[in-house]
């Protein structure tokens, strides 16, 4: 089992629009690729005093690394480009790939 984790910090002014878009558009598009088994979205509850915005972890489960590589190569560039075009510098994200042990 492989976990594809996307950690995202979104600025407060864009938060509501971004969250609705993630839940109603982006995540359904990712799941719609047919490569993911399930997903969950978590909101970070405690943040450092100097940190601004709101941070989320969106976790997507895949059966194997090959499924992730297919997503990365065939679907991720367009989906990430769409997010960047819509929200520009109002968010930051980093991605992690983890294997269940």
Protein backbone atom coordinates (compact mmCIF):
# COMPACT_ATOMS: atom_id res chain seq x y z
CA UNK A 1 0.00 0.00 0.00
CA UNK A 2 1.29 3.46 -0.96
CA UNK A 3 0.22 6.77 0.57
CA UNK A 4 0.48 9.91 -1.53
CA UNK A 5 0.32 12.81 0.92
CA UNK A 6 -0.09 16.43 -0.16
CA UNK A 7 0.45 19.01 2.59
CA UNK A 8 -1.00 22.39 1.68
CA UNK A 9 -0.96 25.75 3.41
CA UNK A 10 -3.55 28.21 2.10
CA UNK A 11 -3.79 31.88 3.02
CA UNK A 12 -6.72 33.01 5.14
CA UNK A 13 -8.21 35.29 2.48
CA UNK A 14 -8.54 32.39 0.01
CA UNK A 15 -9.38 29.65 2.50
CA UNK A 16 -13.13 29.21 1.96
CA UNK A 17 -12.90 29.35 -1.84
CA UNK A 18 -9.92 26.97 -1.85
CA UNK A 19 -11.56 24.45 0.51
CA UNK A 20 -14.79 24.34 -1.51
CA UNK A 21 -12.81 23.94 -4.73
CA UNK A 22 -10.70 21.12 -3.25
CA UNK A 23 -13.73 19.23 -1.94
CA UNK A 24 -15.98 19.76 -4.99
CA UNK A 25 -13.57 19.90 -7.93
CA UNK A 26 -9.92 18.96 -7.36
CA UNK A 27 -10.19 15.89 -5.13
CA UNK A 28 -12.99 14.40 -7.28
CA UNK A 29 -10.76 14.93 -10.34
CA UNK A 30 -7.86 13.12 -8.65
CA UNK A 31 -10.10 10.24 -7.54
CA UNK A 32 -11.65 10.23 -11.02
CA UNK A 33 -8.37 9.05 -12.51
CA UNK A 34 -9.30 5.59 -11.20
CA UNK A 35 -5.86 5.06 -9.69
CA UNK A 36 -6.67 5.73 -6.05
CA UNK A 37 -8.31 3.37 -3.59
CA UNK A 38 -9.44 6.02 -1.10
CA UNK A 39 -8.62 9.42 0.32
CA UNK A 40 -8.99 11.56 3.43
CA UNK A 41 -8.46 15.23 4.15
CA UNK A 42 -7.20 16.52 7.50
CA UNK A 43 -6.88 20.04 8.89
CA UNK A 44 -3.91 20.87 11.10
CA UNK A 45 -5.35 21.97 14.44
CA UNK A 46 -2.27 23.39 16.16
CA UNK A 47 0.10 25.67 14.34
CA UNK A 48 3.24 27.55 15.24
CA UNK A 49 2.64 31.17 16.31
CA UNK A 50 4.63 32.52 13.35
CA UNK A 51 2.73 30.38 10.82
CA UNK A 52 0.06 32.07 8.74
CA UNK A 53 -2.86 30.52 6.89
CA UNK A 54 -4.39 27.11 7.39
CA UNK A 55 -2.63 23.82 6.71
CA UNK A 56 -4.20 20.62 5.41
CA UNK A 57 -3.01 17.13 4.65
CA UNK A 58 -4.77 15.39 1.78
CA UNK A 59 -3.98 11.69 1.78
CA UNK A 60 -4.59 9.39 -1.17
CA UNK A 61 -4.06 5.63 -1.01
CA UNK A 62 -2.86 3.57 -3.97
CA UNK A 63 -2.26 -0.15 -4.32
CA UNK A 64 1.35 0.18 -5.53
CA UNK A 65 4.13 2.50 -6.62
CA UNK A 66 3.35 1.89 -10.30
CA UNK A 67 -0.10 3.43 -9.78
CA UNK A 68 1.49 6.51 -8.25
CA UNK A 69 4.01 6.79 -11.09
CA UNK A 70 1.21 6.60 -13.63
CA UNK A 71 -0.69 9.34 -11.79
CA UNK A 72 2.46 11.46 -11.53
CA UNK A 73 3.27 11.10 -15.24
CA UNK A 74 -0.18 11.15 -16.85
CA UNK A 75 -2.44 13.25 -14.61
CA UNK A 76 -0.57 15.31 -11.99
CA UNK A 77 0.96 17.96 -14.28
CA UNK A 78 -2.41 19.15 -15.61
CA UNK A 79 -4.14 18.98 -12.22
CA UNK A 80 -1.32 20.87 -10.50
CA UNK A 81 -1.27 23.46 -13.29
CA UNK A 82 -5.00 24.04 -12.86
CA UNK A 83 -4.54 24.59 -9.12
CA UNK A 84 -1.68 27.01 -9.70
CA UNK A 85 -3.65 28.96 -12.31
CA UNK A 86 -6.65 29.24 -9.98
CA UNK A 87 -4.86 30.12 -6.72
CA UNK A 88 -1.40 31.33 -7.77
CA UNK A 89 0.77 32.21 -4.79
CA UNK A 90 -2.11 32.03 -2.30
CA UNK A 91 -1.06 28.50 -1.29
CA UNK A 92 2.03 26.36 -0.97
CA UNK A 93 2.25 22.58 -1.17
CA UNK A 94 4.68 19.76 -0.78
CA UNK A 95 4.18 16.11 -1.62
CA UNK A 96 5.36 12.91 0.04
CA UNK A 97 5.19 9.27 -0.99
CA UNK A 98 5.06 6.77 1.88
CA UNK A 99 4.95 3.00 1.98
CA UNK A 100 3.00 1.08 4.60
CA UNK A 101 5.27 -1.12 6.73
